[in-house]
Amino acid sequence: MYYSKKIKDIMKQWKSEANIKGVVLYNVKEHYNDNNETECTLYISTNSPGSFIGPMGNRVADYEHRISLLIGKRVKVHFIETAELI
């Protein structure tokens, strides 16, 4: 995808703001919604999704908005909670 570098930079900011030290994996998939408009789902795999979400979901809403503005498409974030690495 042409905007993967931009999303990578935002993900680094988000990880830093959430004070995450471990491994975080992410993937973006484009799809069409019911109105036949293109939108994206950002899948984030982490063992601490609560830190990314922030108090009352404010942080995730902020970053959904930032990424949407950056790529020009509606973005929805979906977390996949992983086990801790040993």
N, C-alpha and C. Protein backbone atom coordinates (compact mmCIF):
# COMPACT_ATOMS: atom_id res chain seq x y z
N MET A 1 0.84 -1.18 0.00
CA MET A 1 0.00 0.00 0.00
C MET A 1 0.88 1.24 0.00
N TYR A 2 0.43 2.23 -0.69
CA TYR A 2 1.23 3.42 -0.87
C TYR A 2 1.40 4.24 0.41
N TYR A 3 0.57 4.03 1.40
CA TYR A 3 0.65 4.82 2.63
C TYR A 3 1.24 4.05 3.80
N SER A 4 1.86 2.92 3.56
CA SER A 4 2.37 2.09 4.66
C SER A 4 3.47 2.79 5.45
N LYS A 5 4.32 3.58 4.81
CA LYS A 5 5.37 4.32 5.53
C LYS A 5 4.74 5.36 6.46
N LYS A 6 3.70 6.02 6.02
CA LYS A 6 3.03 7.01 6.85
C LYS A 6 2.40 6.36 8.08
N ILE A 7 1.76 5.21 7.87
CA ILE A 7 1.14 4.50 8.99
C ILE A 7 2.21 4.01 9.95
N LYS A 8 3.34 3.56 9.44
CA LYS A 8 4.43 3.09 10.29
C LYS A 8 4.90 4.21 11.22
N ASP A 9 5.03 5.41 10.70
CA ASP A 9 5.46 6.55 11.53
C ASP A 9 4.44 6.86 12.62
N ILE A 10 3.17 6.82 12.28
CA ILE A 10 2.12 7.08 13.27
C ILE A 10 2.09 5.97 14.31
N MET A 11 2.28 4.72 13.89
CA MET A 11 2.30 3.61 14.84
C MET A 11 3.45 3.75 15.83
N LYS A 12 4.59 4.25 15.37
CA LYS A 12 5.72 4.50 16.28
C LYS A 12 5.36 5.56 17.31
N GLN A 13 4.69 6.63 16.87
CA GLN A 13 4.25 7.68 17.80
C GLN A 13 3.27 7.12 18.81
N TRP A 14 2.30 6.35 18.32
CA TRP A 14 1.26 5.78 19.18
C TRP A 14 1.88 4.85 20.21
N LYS A 15 2.81 4.00 19.78
CA LYS A 15 3.48 3.07 20.69
C LYS A 15 4.24 3.83 21.77
N SER A 16 4.92 4.90 21.37
CA SER A 16 5.67 5.72 22.32
C SER A 16 4.73 6.40 23.31
N GLU A 17 3.65 6.98 22.81
CA GLU A 17 2.67 7.66 23.67
C GLU A 17 2.03 6.70 24.66
N ALA A 18 1.79 5.46 24.22
CA ALA A 18 1.17 4.45 25.08
C ALA A 18 2.19 3.80 26.01
N ASN A 19 3.47 4.16 25.85
CA ASN A 19 4.57 3.63 26.67
C ASN A 19 4.67 2.10 26.56
N ILE A 20 4.57 1.61 25.33
CA ILE A 20 4.67 0.18 25.05
C ILE A 20 6.13 -0.14 24.73
N LYS A 21 6.67 -1.13 25.40
CA LYS A 21 8.06 -1.52 25.18
C LYS A 21 8.19 -2.80 24.36
N GLY A 22 7.16 -3.63 24.31
CA GLY A 22 7.23 -4.92 23.64
C GLY A 22 7.00 -4.84 22.15
N VAL A 23 6.84 -6.00 21.56
CA VAL A 23 6.62 -6.13 20.12
C VAL A 23 5.16 -5.81 19.80
N VAL A 24 4.98 -5.03 18.74
CA VAL A 24 3.64 -4.70 18.26
C VAL A 24 3.61 -4.98 16.76
N LEU A 25 2.66 -5.77 16.34
CA LEU A 25 2.49 -6.06 14.92
C LEU A 25 1.20 -5.40 14.46
N TYR A 26 1.21 -4.94 13.21
CA TYR A 26 -0.01 -4.35 12.68
C TYR A 26 -0.13 -4.67 11.19
N ASN A 27 -1.37 -4.60 10.71
CA ASN A 27 -1.66 -4.84 9.31
C ASN A 27 -2.88 -4.01 8.94
N VAL A 28 -2.90 -3.51 7.73
CA VAL A 28 -4.02 -2.70 7.25
C VAL A 28 -4.67 -3.43 6.09
N LYS A 29 -5.99 -3.55 6.15
CA LYS A 29 -6.74 -4.17 5.06
C LYS A 29 -7.81 -3.21 4.58
N GLU A 30 -7.87 -3.04 3.28
CA GLU A 30 -8.91 -2.21 2.67
C GLU A 30 -10.11 -3.09 2.33
N HIS A 31 -11.28 -2.50 2.44
CA HIS A 31 -12.51 -3.21 2.07
C HIS A 31 -13.57 -2.18 1.75
N TYR A 32 -14.68 -2.64 1.20
CA TYR A 32 -15.80 -1.76 0.88
C TYR A 32 -16.86 -1.87 1.96
N ASN A 33 -17.43 -0.73 2.35
CA ASN A 33 -18.51 -0.75 3.34
C ASN A 33 -19.85 -0.90 2.62
N ASP A 34 -20.94 -0.79 3.35
CA ASP A 34 -22.28 -0.98 2.77
C ASP A 34 -22.62 0.07 1.73
N ASN A 35 -21.99 1.23 1.80
CA ASN A 35 -22.24 2.31 0.83
C ASN A 35 -21.29 2.23 -0.36
N ASN A 36 -20.57 1.13 -0.48
CA ASN A 36 -19.62 0.89 -1.56
C ASN A 36 -18.46 1.90 -1.54
N GLU A 37 -18.10 2.35 -0.35
CA GLU A 37 -16.97 3.25 -0.17
C GLU A 37 -15.81 2.45 0.42
N THR A 38 -14.60 2.82 0.02
CA THR A 38 -13.42 2.13 0.53
C THR A 38 -13.10 2.62 1.93
N GLU A 39 -12.89 1.69 2.84
CA GLU A 39 -12.42 2.03 4.18
C GLU A 39 -11.38 0.99 4.58
N CYS A 40 -10.70 1.26 5.68
CA CYS A 40 -9.61 0.39 6.12
C CYS A 40 -9.83 -0.08 7.54
N THR A 41 -9.35 -1.28 7.82
CA THR A 41 -9.29 -1.80 9.17
C THR A 41 -7.83 -1.97 9.52
N LEU A 42 -7.43 -1.39 10.63
CA LEU A 42 -6.05 -1.50 11.12
C LEU A 42 -6.07 -2.53 12.25
N TYR A 43 -5.45 -3.68 12.00
CA TYR A 43 -5.35 -4.74 12.99
C TYR A 43 -4.05 -4.56 13.76
N ILE A 44 -4.14 -4.48 15.08
CA ILE A 44 -2.96 -4.31 15.93
C ILE A 44 -2.88 -5.50 16.88
N SER A 45 -1.76 -6.23 16.80
CA SER A 45 -1.52 -7.37 17.70
C SER A 45 -0.55 -6.94 18.78
N THR A 46 -1.00 -7.01 20.03
CA THR A 46 -0.19 -6.59 21.16
C THR A 46 -0.64 -7.32 22.42
N ASN A 47 0.24 -7.39 23.40
CA ASN A 47 -0.15 -8.02 24.66
C ASN A 47 -0.74 -7.00 25.63
N SER A 48 -0.78 -5.73 25.26
CA SER A 48 -1.36 -4.71 26.13
C SER A 48 -2.23 -3.73 25.33
N PRO A 49 -3.38 -4.19 24.84
CA PRO A 49 -4.24 -3.30 24.05
C PRO A 49 -4.80 -2.14 24.86
N GLY A 50 -4.94 -2.33 26.17
CA GLY A 50 -5.47 -1.26 27.01
C GLY A 50 -4.62 0.00 26.98
N SER A 51 -3.32 -0.17 26.88
CA SER A 51 -2.42 0.99 26.81
C SER A 51 -2.62 1.74 25.50
N PHE A 52 -2.87 1.02 24.41
CA PHE A 52 -3.13 1.67 23.13
C PHE A 52 -4.47 2.38 23.14
N ILE A 53 -5.45 1.77 23.80
CA ILE A 53 -6.81 2.33 23.81
C ILE A 53 -6.85 3.62 24.61
N GLY A 54 -6.18 3.66 25.74
CA GLY A 54 -6.14 4.86 26.57
C GLY A 54 -7.36 4.99 27.44
N PRO A 55 -7.36 6.03 28.29
CA PRO A 55 -8.49 6.24 29.19
C PRO A 55 -9.79 6.51 28.41
N MET A 56 -10.80 5.73 28.70
CA MET A 56 -12.13 5.86 28.08
C MET A 56 -12.08 5.81 26.56
N GLY A 57 -11.06 5.17 25.98
CA GLY A 57 -10.97 5.03 24.53
C GLY A 57 -10.51 6.26 23.79
N ASN A 58 -10.07 7.28 24.53
CA ASN A 58 -9.69 8.53 23.88
C ASN A 58 -8.51 8.39 22.94
N ARG A 59 -7.52 7.61 23.34
CA ARG A 59 -6.32 7.51 22.52
C ARG A 59 -6.62 6.79 21.20
N VAL A 60 -7.39 5.71 21.24
CA VAL A 60 -7.70 4.99 20.01
C VAL A 60 -8.55 5.85 19.08
N ALA A 61 -9.48 6.60 19.61
CA ALA A 61 -10.31 7.48 18.78
C ALA A 61 -9.46 8.55 18.12
N ASP A 62 -8.52 9.10 18.87
CA ASP A 62 -7.62 10.13 18.33
C ASP A 62 -6.79 9.58 17.18
N TYR A 63 -6.23 8.38 17.36
CA TYR A 63 -5.38 7.82 16.31
C TYR A 63 -6.18 7.30 15.12
N GLU A 64 -7.39 6.83 15.33
CA GLU A 64 -8.26 6.49 14.20
C GLU A 64 -8.48 7.73 13.34
N HIS A 65 -8.74 8.84 14.00
CA HIS A 65 -8.97 10.10 13.29
C HIS A 65 -7.70 10.56 12.56
N ARG A 66 -6.55 10.51 13.24
CA ARG A 66 -5.29 10.94 12.61
C ARG A 66 -4.97 10.12 11.37
N ILE A 67 -5.10 8.81 11.49
CA ILE A 67 -4.78 7.94 10.35
C ILE A 67 -5.79 8.14 9.22
N SER A 68 -7.05 8.33 9.56
CA SER A 68 -8.07 8.60 8.54
C SER A 68 -7.74 9.85 7.75
N LEU A 69 -7.35 10.90 8.44
CA LEU A 69 -6.97 12.14 7.75
C LEU A 69 -5.74 11.94 6.88
N LEU A 70 -4.80 11.16 7.37
CA LEU A 70 -3.55 10.94 6.66
C LEU A 70 -3.76 10.18 5.34
N ILE A 71 -4.58 9.14 5.36
CA ILE A 71 -4.74 8.32 4.16
C ILE A 71 -5.99 8.65 3.36
N GLY A 72 -6.85 9.49 3.91
CA GLY A 72 -8.05 9.91 3.18
C GLY A 72 -9.15 8.87 3.13
N LYS A 73 -9.13 7.92 4.05
CA LYS A 73 -10.16 6.89 4.13
C LYS A 73 -10.54 6.67 5.58
N ARG A 74 -11.76 6.25 5.80
CA ARG A 74 -12.20 5.95 7.16
C ARG A 74 -11.41 4.74 7.67
N VAL A 75 -10.93 4.83 8.91
CA VAL A 75 -10.12 3.76 9.51
C VAL A 75 -10.78 3.30 10.80
N LYS A 76 -10.88 2.00 10.96
CA LYS A 76 -11.36 1.39 12.20
C LYS A 76 -10.24 0.52 12.74
N VAL A 77 -9.95 0.65 14.03
CA VAL A 77 -8.88 -0.13 14.66
C VAL A 77 -9.47 -1.35 15.34
N HIS A 78 -8.82 -2.48 15.14
CA HIS A 78 -9.24 -3.74 15.76
C HIS A 78 -8.01 -4.33 16.46
N PHE A 79 -8.14 -4.62 17.74
CA PHE A 79 -7.02 -5.16 18.51
C PHE A 79 -7.11 -6.68 18.61
N ILE A 80 -5.94 -7.31 18.52
CA ILE A 80 -5.82 -8.74 18.73
C ILE A 80 -4.85 -8.90 19.90
N GLU A 81 -5.38 -9.35 21.04
CA GLU A 81 -4.55 -9.49 22.23
C GLU A 81 -3.72 -10.76 22.13
N THR A 82 -2.43 -10.62 22.37
CA THR A 82 -1.51 -11.76 22.30
C THR A 82 -0.99 -12.09 23.68
N ALA A 83 -0.45 -13.28 23.81
CA ALA A 83 0.18 -13.68 25.09
C ALA A 83 1.55 -13.02 25.17
N GLU A 84 2.04 -12.89 26.39
CA GLU A 84 3.37 -12.31 26.57
C GLU A 84 4.43 -13.28 26.08
N LEU A 85 5.50 -12.71 25.55
CA LEU A 85 6.63 -13.53 25.13
C LEU A 85 7.44 -13.93 26.35
N ILE A 86 8.01 -15.10 26.33
CA ILE A 86 8.81 -15.57 27.47
C ILE A 86 10.27 -15.42 27.14
